[in-house]
Amino acid sequence: MEEYSIHNSEKEITKVIVILHAYQPPTQEEKILDRIVKNCYLPVISSLLENSNFKITLNINASLVELLEPKYPNIIEELITLAENKQLEFLETGAYHPILPLLSEKEAKLQIEMNNRINSGVFGKVWMPKGFWPPELAVSKALATLVESLGYHYMVVPEISVSSNTPFPIPLLTRVSVYPNAPHLSLINRNHEISNNISFKKYPSIDNLKEHIKMLKISQPEGVVVIATDLETFGEHHLNYDKFLVKILQSFDLCTASTLLTMPKQPIVQFRESSWSTSEEDLYRNIPYPLWSYPGNSIHDLLNIHQDLLSNAIALLLAKKDENDYDVKIALKEHAKAQYSCVSWWASTKDHFSKKMIVEGFHSQKKALKKILEALNGHLIEESVLLKFSNDIGRRIEQYLSRIR
């Protein structure tokens, strides 16, 4: 592992960690995936291959890997090359991008283990993640404990999750936080302001980013800047923005996230349930995951009730049959796919509301329920009751959507 060190010098090149999150839902349309590959994945990967000094830390969900492998095996091969060249460090995550704190511990563990199994099968020996990326950086104390128990050494977290502890948040990291419930798991918080400024294209040029960091170093001359954002920011969310990523990678002294494991650790008292979309106002109202489970959002409520129905059915299935049975494996995978976070996200605000995506997501849940019931194969006498309940929820969702123009 690269040794972390800070030298207090005005000439010190700022150390920067760039963490990129690559994900597409299992239901993604082929034409949209093709566009993202052309505008984002290919140019970013080409830039990394052409510049051996570029380093990133990458989270790539199995959901996206399964879409890329059959049609774009070259992307998989190039990521393997980058990992072999020590330019890329992988992160573990949940296979189908669920909001892990909203799942049971068993379901969250299944998602993480499924991601590891699928990605290690595709990437081979270079798939050796030391760290963990919670989808949407949605975190909880229970998740930290689970991630530590699975052997991961660090977890990327939102700044707000540790910001109530002194001296956090630290704009430039000189230490990492550790919560007593998971004493061996380093919590690496992204710089919220800088990461979001990059994500929403608020720096007119790379010089503005440099100036921002320079201003931070006036009061805090030492430390590491942790930038974490969607990979799709660079070319998909903003066309041709991959060039700005190249400028970032050219401008700073780059290291990967596991470098921070040699940093001093700072015990913290509070670790707040939150996500990278959670505000202080949300936490004041006790709404840690506002884009996926907002009280009073009728569609969120119905989707979550239906997911609870699936969770109970899965629990019953695992109590009745062996997890390694073929039909059980099929049911578990369909259930995992149906937990992708986009369904609730598309129901969260009018700015990105989509009836189509909500209905599509509910159909994924219905498909999962069907596979669970098939795997139970008569072990559940209440099957007709479950189906009726599921259909009733579907009708209520349709009623709510019909009232929205």
Protein backbone atom coordinates (compact mmCIF):
# COMPACT_ATOMS: atom_id res chain seq x y z
CA MET A 1 0.00 0.00 0.00
CA GLU A 2 1.23 3.49 -0.83
CA GLU A 3 2.35 5.21 2.38
CA TYR A 4 0.38 8.32 3.28
CA SER A 5 2.44 11.31 4.34
CA ILE A 6 2.05 15.06 4.57
CA HIS A 7 4.90 17.52 4.29
CA ASN A 8 4.18 20.99 5.58
CA SER A 9 5.53 23.02 2.68
CA GLU A 10 4.16 25.81 0.52
CA LYS A 11 5.46 23.91 -2.50
CA GLU A 12 3.61 20.73 -1.56
CA ILE A 13 1.42 19.49 -4.43
CA THR A 14 -2.09 18.94 -3.13
CA LYS A 15 -2.96 15.29 -2.74
CA VAL A 16 -6.31 14.41 -4.31
CA ILE A 17 -8.33 11.20 -4.29
CA VAL A 18 -10.85 10.88 -7.12
CA ILE A 19 -13.58 8.34 -6.40
CA LEU A 20 -15.94 7.59 -9.29
CA HIS A 21 -19.24 5.73 -9.02
CA ALA A 22 -20.39 3.85 -12.15
CA TYR A 23 -23.90 2.43 -12.20
CA GLN A 24 -26.83 1.77 -14.49
CA PRO A 25 -30.07 0.05 -13.43
CA PRO A 26 -30.73 -3.53 -14.58
CA THR A 27 -33.65 -2.20 -16.66
CA GLN A 28 -31.55 0.32 -18.60
CA GLU A 29 -32.47 0.64 -22.29
CA GLU A 30 -29.79 -0.49 -24.73
CA LYS A 31 -29.80 2.78 -26.68
CA ILE A 32 -29.23 4.80 -23.50
CA LEU A 33 -26.40 2.50 -22.41
CA ASP A 34 -24.82 2.89 -25.87
CA ARG A 35 -24.96 6.67 -25.51
CA ILE A 36 -23.38 6.60 -22.04
CA VAL A 37 -20.64 4.27 -23.24
CA LYS A 38 -19.85 6.58 -26.16
CA ASN A 39 -20.04 9.88 -24.27
CA CYS A 40 -18.55 8.83 -20.94
CA TYR A 41 -17.08 5.38 -20.34
CA LEU A 42 -14.93 5.10 -23.47
CA PRO A 43 -13.37 8.60 -23.36
CA VAL A 44 -12.67 8.43 -19.61
CA ILE A 45 -11.09 4.98 -19.84
CA SER A 46 -9.04 6.03 -22.88
CA SER A 47 -7.68 9.02 -20.97
CA LEU A 48 -6.65 6.78 -18.09
CA LEU A 49 -4.92 4.31 -20.44
CA GLU A 50 -3.07 7.14 -22.17
CA ASN A 51 -1.78 8.64 -18.91
CA SER A 52 -0.03 6.15 -16.67
CA ASN A 53 0.16 8.67 -13.80
CA PHE A 54 -3.64 9.00 -13.57
CA LYS A 55 -5.20 7.15 -10.62
CA ILE A 56 -8.81 6.69 -9.59
CA THR A 57 -10.84 4.67 -7.13
CA LEU A 58 -13.82 3.07 -8.86
CA ASN A 59 -17.13 1.70 -7.70
CA ILE A 60 -18.85 -0.28 -10.45
CA ASN A 61 -22.01 -2.16 -9.54
CA ALA A 62 -22.58 -5.69 -10.82
CA SER A 63 -25.77 -4.28 -12.33
CA LEU A 64 -23.68 -2.31 -14.83
CA VAL A 65 -21.07 -5.05 -15.27
CA GLU A 66 -23.77 -7.47 -16.42
CA LEU A 67 -24.90 -4.92 -19.02
CA LEU A 68 -21.39 -4.21 -20.28
CA GLU A 69 -19.91 -7.71 -20.41
CA PRO A 70 -21.89 -9.15 -23.37
CA LYS A 71 -21.74 -6.06 -25.61
CA TYR A 72 -18.69 -4.13 -24.43
CA PRO A 73 -16.13 -6.72 -23.26
CA ASN A 74 -13.41 -4.24 -24.29
CA ILE A 75 -14.44 -1.97 -21.40
CA ILE A 76 -14.09 -4.85 -18.94
CA GLU A 77 -10.69 -5.77 -20.37
CA GLU A 78 -9.47 -2.16 -20.18
CA LEU A 79 -10.59 -1.82 -16.55
CA ILE A 80 -8.67 -5.01 -15.77
CA THR A 81 -5.58 -3.49 -17.44
CA LEU A 82 -5.93 -0.31 -15.38
CA ALA A 83 -6.22 -2.34 -12.19
CA GLU A 84 -3.16 -4.38 -13.12
CA ASN A 85 -1.30 -1.11 -13.74
CA LYS A 86 -2.24 0.10 -10.21
CA GLN A 87 -4.12 3.04 -11.75
CA LEU A 88 -7.48 1.81 -10.53
CA GLU A 89 -8.67 0.56 -7.17
CA PHE A 90 -12.06 -1.17 -6.98
CA LEU A 91 -14.68 -0.65 -4.28
CA GLU A 92 -17.27 -3.18 -3.12
CA THR A 93 -20.98 -2.29 -3.05
CA GLY A 94 -24.52 -3.69 -3.32
CA ALA A 95 -25.03 -5.55 -6.61
CA TYR A 96 -28.16 -3.78 -7.82
CA HIS A 97 -27.74 -0.39 -6.13
CA PRO A 98 -30.25 -0.71 -3.26
CA ILE A 99 -30.52 1.74 -0.39
CA LEU A 100 -28.85 -0.71 1.97
CA PRO A 101 -30.05 0.80 5.30
CA LEU A 102 -33.65 0.25 4.15
CA LEU A 103 -33.05 -3.50 3.78
CA SER A 104 -32.84 -6.18 6.43
CA GLU A 105 -29.32 -7.22 7.44
CA LYS A 106 -29.77 -10.51 5.56
CA GLU A 107 -30.87 -8.75 2.37
CA ALA A 108 -28.04 -6.21 2.58
CA LYS A 109 -25.51 -9.02 3.05
CA LEU A 110 -26.96 -10.91 0.06
CA GLN A 111 -26.59 -7.78 -2.10
CA ILE A 112 -22.96 -7.28 -1.07
CA GLU A 113 -22.03 -10.93 -1.49
CA MET A 114 -23.80 -11.05 -4.86
CA ASN A 115 -21.83 -8.03 -6.06
CA ASN A 116 -18.58 -9.64 -4.98
CA ARG A 117 -19.46 -12.95 -6.64
CA ILE A 118 -20.50 -11.43 -9.97
CA ASN A 119 -17.66 -8.92 -10.23
CA SER A 120 -14.94 -11.33 -9.12
CA GLY A 121 -16.21 -13.75 -11.78
CA VAL A 122 -15.85 -11.05 -14.43
CA PHE A 123 -12.71 -9.18 -13.29
CA GLY A 124 -10.85 -12.18 -11.90
CA LYS A 125 -7.82 -11.72 -9.65
CA VAL A 126 -7.80 -7.90 -9.90
CA TRP A 127 -11.12 -7.73 -8.06
CA MET A 128 -9.70 -7.18 -4.57
CA PRO A 129 -11.72 -4.35 -3.00
CA LYS A 130 -10.44 -3.13 0.35
CA GLY A 131 -13.15 -0.49 0.65
CA PHE A 132 -16.88 -0.16 0.36
CA TRP A 133 -19.19 2.25 -1.47
CA PRO A 134 -22.77 2.41 -0.12
CA PRO A 135 -25.15 3.18 -3.00
CA GLU A 136 -26.11 6.87 -2.88
CA LEU A 137 -23.73 6.97 0.12
CA ALA A 138 -26.75 5.95 2.21
CA VAL A 139 -25.27 4.87 5.54
CA SER A 140 -26.32 3.71 9.00
CA LYS A 141 -24.64 2.35 12.11
CA ALA A 142 -25.90 -1.15 11.31
CA LEU A 143 -24.43 -0.95 7.81
CA ALA A 144 -21.03 0.10 9.18
CA THR A 145 -21.05 -2.91 11.50
CA LEU A 146 -22.04 -5.24 8.64
CA VAL A 147 -19.40 -3.87 6.26
CA GLU A 148 -16.70 -4.29 8.92
CA SER A 149 -17.84 -7.86 9.66
CA LEU A 150 -17.45 -8.73 5.96
CA GLY A 151 -13.77 -7.78 6.10
CA TYR A 152 -13.66 -4.39 4.41
CA HIS A 153 -11.22 -1.83 5.77
CA TYR A 154 -12.89 1.44 4.86
CA MET A 155 -16.22 2.86 3.76
CA VAL A 156 -16.86 6.05 1.80
CA VAL A 157 -19.45 8.14 3.64
CA PRO A 158 -21.23 11.48 3.14
CA GLU A 159 -19.76 14.43 4.97
CA ILE A 160 -23.02 14.99 6.86
CA SER A 161 -22.79 11.56 8.52
CA VAL A 162 -19.76 12.63 10.58
CA SER A 163 -20.15 16.43 10.56
CA SER A 164 -21.62 16.64 14.06
CA ASN A 165 -18.29 15.48 15.54
CA THR A 166 -15.40 17.78 16.35
CA PRO A 167 -13.17 18.39 14.37
CA PHE A 168 -15.19 17.10 11.40
CA PRO A 169 -15.91 17.98 8.72
CA ILE A 170 -12.33 18.64 7.72
CA PRO A 171 -12.17 20.17 4.21
CA LEU A 172 -8.77 18.55 3.65
CA LEU A 173 -8.55 15.19 5.41
CA THR A 174 -5.69 14.74 7.85
CA ARG A 175 -7.39 11.91 9.73
CA VAL A 176 -10.25 9.48 9.17
CA SER A 177 -13.15 8.90 11.51
CA VAL A 178 -13.89 5.62 13.27
CA TYR A 179 -17.18 4.76 14.97
CA PRO A 180 -16.99 2.56 18.12
CA ASN A 181 -19.55 0.05 16.78
CA ALA A 182 -17.16 -0.67 13.89
CA PRO A 183 -13.70 0.14 15.33
CA HIS A 184 -11.73 -1.39 12.45
CA LEU A 185 -13.62 0.36 9.65
CA SER A 186 -12.19 3.72 8.54
CA LEU A 187 -14.90 6.19 7.46
CA ILE A 188 -13.69 8.31 4.56
CA ASN A 189 -15.92 11.32 3.99
CA ARG A 190 -15.96 13.07 0.62
CA ASN A 191 -15.58 16.81 0.41
CA HIS A 192 -19.25 17.69 -0.10
CA GLU A 193 -18.80 21.20 -1.50
CA ILE A 194 -16.03 20.46 -3.96
CA SER A 195 -17.58 17.19 -5.12
CA ASN A 196 -20.97 18.81 -5.71
CA ASN A 197 -19.43 21.83 -7.43
CA ILE A 198 -17.79 19.44 -9.88
CA SER A 199 -20.94 17.33 -10.25
CA PHE A 200 -23.11 20.33 -11.08
CA LYS A 201 -20.46 22.03 -13.24
CA LYS A 202 -20.05 25.08 -11.00
CA TYR A 203 -16.36 25.61 -11.74
CA PRO A 204 -16.03 27.58 -15.00
CA SER A 205 -12.49 26.25 -15.39
CA ILE A 206 -9.92 24.08 -13.64
CA ASP A 207 -8.33 27.27 -12.31
CA ASN A 208 -11.46 27.90 -10.23
CA LEU A 209 -11.12 24.47 -8.62
CA LYS A 210 -7.43 25.09 -7.95
CA GLU A 211 -8.24 28.46 -6.40
CA HIS A 212 -10.90 26.92 -4.17
CA ILE A 213 -8.44 24.34 -2.86
CA LYS A 214 -5.78 27.01 -2.47
CA MET A 215 -8.17 29.04 -0.29
CA LEU A 216 -8.80 25.99 1.90
CA LYS A 217 -5.06 25.46 2.31
CA ILE A 218 -4.59 28.97 3.70
CA SER A 219 -6.30 27.93 6.94
CA GLN A 220 -5.39 24.25 6.64
CA PRO A 221 -2.10 23.79 4.77
CA GLU A 222 -2.02 20.01 5.15
CA GLY A 223 -4.42 17.32 4.03
CA VAL A 224 -6.02 15.36 1.22
CA VAL A 225 -8.99 16.41 -0.91
CA VAL A 226 -11.49 13.57 -1.41
CA ILE A 227 -13.60 14.08 -4.52
CA ALA A 228 -16.41 11.58 -5.04
CA THR A 229 -19.06 11.75 -7.74
CA ASP A 230 -20.83 9.75 -10.45
CA LEU A 231 -18.60 8.63 -13.29
CA GLU A 232 -21.49 9.52 -15.61
CA THR A 233 -21.03 13.18 -14.60
CA PHE A 234 -18.18 13.30 -17.10
CA GLY A 235 -19.78 13.07 -20.53
CA GLU A 236 -23.32 11.83 -19.85
CA HIS A 237 -24.69 14.34 -17.34
CA HIS A 238 -22.58 17.05 -19.00
CA LEU A 239 -21.54 16.45 -22.60
CA ASN A 240 -17.76 16.60 -23.21
CA TYR A 241 -17.16 17.12 -19.48
CA ASP A 242 -14.70 14.20 -19.53
CA LYS A 243 -12.14 16.84 -20.53
CA PHE A 244 -12.61 18.53 -17.15
CA LEU A 245 -11.93 15.22 -15.39
CA VAL A 246 -8.68 14.94 -17.36
CA LYS A 247 -7.70 18.41 -16.16
CA ILE A 248 -8.39 17.39 -12.56
CA LEU A 249 -6.23 14.29 -12.96
CA GLN A 250 -3.46 16.35 -14.56
CA SER A 251 -3.44 19.06 -11.91
CA PHE A 252 -2.94 17.26 -8.62
CA ASP A 253 -0.89 14.61 -6.86
CA LEU A 254 -3.16 11.56 -7.17
CA CYS A 255 -3.58 8.62 -4.83
CA THR A 256 -6.25 5.96 -4.29
CA ALA A 257 -8.60 5.74 -1.32
CA SER A 258 -6.83 2.88 0.48
CA THR A 259 -3.86 5.22 0.89
CA LEU A 260 -5.83 6.87 3.69
CA LEU A 261 -5.74 3.67 5.77
CA THR A 262 -2.34 4.80 7.06
CA MET A 263 -3.81 8.10 8.26
CA PRO A 264 -4.36 8.76 11.96
CA LYS A 265 -7.80 7.67 13.13
CA GLN A 266 -10.20 9.93 15.00
CA PRO A 267 -12.86 8.22 17.18
CA ILE A 268 -16.27 9.83 16.79
CA VAL A 269 -19.32 9.85 19.03
CA GLN A 270 -22.07 10.36 16.46
CA PHE A 271 -22.52 8.58 13.14
CA ARG A 272 -25.70 9.88 11.55
CA GLU A 273 -27.94 7.93 9.21
CA SER A 274 -27.87 9.89 5.97
CA SER A 275 -27.01 9.90 2.26
CA TRP A 276 -25.17 12.26 -0.06
CA SER A 277 -28.58 13.83 -0.84
CA THR A 278 -29.51 14.40 2.82
CA SER A 279 -29.58 17.92 4.27
CA GLU A 280 -29.40 19.14 7.85
CA GLU A 281 -33.10 20.03 7.57
CA ASP A 282 -33.86 16.44 6.54
CA LEU A 283 -32.04 15.15 9.62
CA TYR A 284 -33.86 17.66 11.83
CA ARG A 285 -37.11 16.16 10.52
CA ASN A 286 -35.73 12.64 11.00
CA ILE A 287 -35.78 11.87 7.26
CA PRO A 288 -32.35 10.33 6.59
CA TYR A 289 -33.08 9.04 3.07
CA PRO A 290 -35.42 11.68 1.59
CA LEU A 291 -35.23 10.67 -2.07
CA TRP A 292 -36.18 7.06 -1.36
CA SER A 293 -38.35 7.05 1.75
CA TYR A 294 -40.05 10.38 2.36
CA PRO A 295 -42.93 10.38 4.87
CA GLY A 296 -46.14 11.45 3.16
CA ASN A 297 -44.94 10.50 -0.31
CA SER A 298 -47.72 8.03 -1.15
CA ILE A 299 -45.81 6.29 -3.92
CA HIS A 300 -42.76 5.84 -1.69
CA ASP A 301 -45.00 4.37 0.99
CA LEU A 302 -46.66 1.92 -1.42
CA LEU A 303 -43.39 0.84 -3.02
CA ASN A 304 -41.82 0.29 0.39
CA ILE A 305 -44.84 -1.69 1.61
CA HIS A 306 -44.55 -3.89 -1.46
CA GLN A 307 -40.82 -4.34 -0.86
CA ASP A 308 -41.64 -5.37 2.72
CA LEU A 309 -44.00 -7.98 1.32
CA LEU A 310 -41.15 -9.32 -0.85
CA SER A 311 -38.75 -9.26 2.09
CA ASN A 312 -41.11 -11.34 4.21
CA ALA A 313 -41.58 -13.80 1.36
CA ILE A 314 -37.82 -14.10 0.90
CA ALA A 315 -37.36 -14.68 4.64
CA LEU A 316 -39.92 -17.47 4.48
CA LEU A 317 -38.25 -18.96 1.39
CA LEU A 318 -34.86 -19.06 3.09
CA ALA A 319 -36.44 -20.64 6.17
CA LYS A 320 -38.03 -23.39 4.03
CA LYS A 321 -35.38 -24.11 1.40
CA ASP A 322 -31.60 -24.11 0.98
CA GLU A 323 -30.05 -20.90 -0.31
CA ASN A 324 -28.03 -22.88 -2.89
CA ASP A 325 -31.04 -24.53 -4.55
CA TYR A 326 -31.27 -23.47 -8.18
CA ASP A 327 -34.81 -22.06 -7.97
CA VAL A 328 -33.92 -20.20 -4.76
CA LYS A 329 -30.89 -18.61 -6.44
CA ILE A 330 -33.12 -17.42 -9.30
CA ALA A 331 -35.61 -15.93 -6.84
CA LEU A 332 -32.88 -14.22 -4.81
CA LYS A 333 -31.40 -12.61 -7.90
CA GLU A 334 -34.76 -11.32 -9.16
CA HIS A 335 -35.46 -9.99 -5.68
CA ALA A 336 -32.07 -8.23 -5.59
CA LYS A 337 -32.67 -6.69 -9.02
CA ALA A 338 -36.05 -5.36 -7.87
CA GLN A 339 -34.39 -3.47 -5.02
CA TYR A 340 -32.62 -0.96 -7.28
CA SER A 341 -32.93 2.57 -5.91
CA CYS A 342 -34.02 4.32 -9.12
CA VAL A 343 -37.67 3.31 -8.68
CA SER A 344 -38.17 5.42 -5.56
CA TRP A 345 -35.82 8.14 -6.81
CA TRP A 346 -38.06 8.73 -9.83
CA ALA A 347 -40.98 9.20 -7.41
CA SER A 348 -39.17 11.65 -5.14
CA THR A 349 -39.66 15.11 -6.69
CA LYS A 350 -41.36 16.78 -9.61
CA ASP A 351 -37.96 17.75 -11.05
CA HIS A 352 -37.20 14.17 -12.05
CA PHE A 353 -40.59 12.46 -11.75
CA SER A 354 -41.26 9.59 -14.18
CA LYS A 355 -44.42 7.50 -14.29
CA LYS A 356 -42.72 5.12 -16.73
CA MET A 357 -39.79 4.38 -14.41
CA ILE A 358 -42.08 3.90 -11.40
CA VAL A 359 -44.31 1.43 -13.23
CA GLU A 360 -41.28 -0.36 -14.68
CA GLY A 361 -39.81 -0.70 -11.19
CA PHE A 362 -43.04 -2.04 -9.75
CA HIS A 363 -43.17 -4.63 -12.53
CA SER A 364 -39.67 -5.71 -11.47
CA GLN A 365 -40.99 -6.22 -7.96
CA LYS A 366 -43.95 -8.23 -9.29
CA LYS A 367 -41.59 -10.42 -11.32
CA ALA A 368 -39.52 -11.04 -8.20
CA LEU A 369 -42.61 -12.02 -6.21
CA LYS A 370 -43.56 -14.51 -8.92
CA LYS A 371 -40.11 -16.13 -8.78
CA ILE A 372 -40.23 -16.30 -4.98
CA LEU A 373 -43.62 -18.02 -5.06
CA GLU A 374 -42.40 -20.44 -7.74
CA ALA A 375 -39.40 -21.31 -5.57
CA LEU A 376 -41.66 -21.85 -2.54
CA ASN A 377 -43.59 -24.34 -4.65
CA GLY A 378 -46.57 -24.86 -2.38
CA HIS A 379 -44.76 -24.15 0.91
CA LEU A 380 -46.88 -21.03 1.37
CA ILE A 381 -50.61 -21.56 1.80
CA GLU A 382 -51.19 -17.77 1.81
CA GLU A 383 -49.95 -17.43 -1.79
CA SER A 384 -53.30 -16.17 -3.09
CA VAL A 385 -53.46 -13.60 -0.25
CA LEU A 386 -49.99 -12.29 -1.13
CA LEU A 387 -50.87 -12.00 -4.82
CA LYS A 388 -54.10 -10.16 -4.00
CA PHE A 389 -52.23 -7.77 -1.69
CA SER A 390 -49.60 -7.18 -4.39
CA ASN A 391 -52.26 -6.50 -7.03
CA ASP A 392 -54.05 -4.10 -4.69
CA ILE A 393 -50.84 -2.12 -4.17
CA GLY A 394 -50.32 -2.01 -7.94
CA ARG A 395 -53.82 -0.62 -8.46
CA ARG A 396 -53.26 2.05 -5.81
CA ILE A 397 -50.01 3.13 -7.46
CA GLU A 398 -51.83 3.39 -10.79
CA GLN A 399 -54.55 5.49 -9.15
CA TYR A 400 -52.01 7.93 -7.70
CA LEU A 401 -50.14 8.18 -11.00
CA SER A 402 -53.38 8.82 -12.92
CA ARG A 403 -53.92 11.97 -10.87
CA ILE A 404 -50.51 13.36 -11.79
CA ARG A 405 -50.08 15.04 -15.15
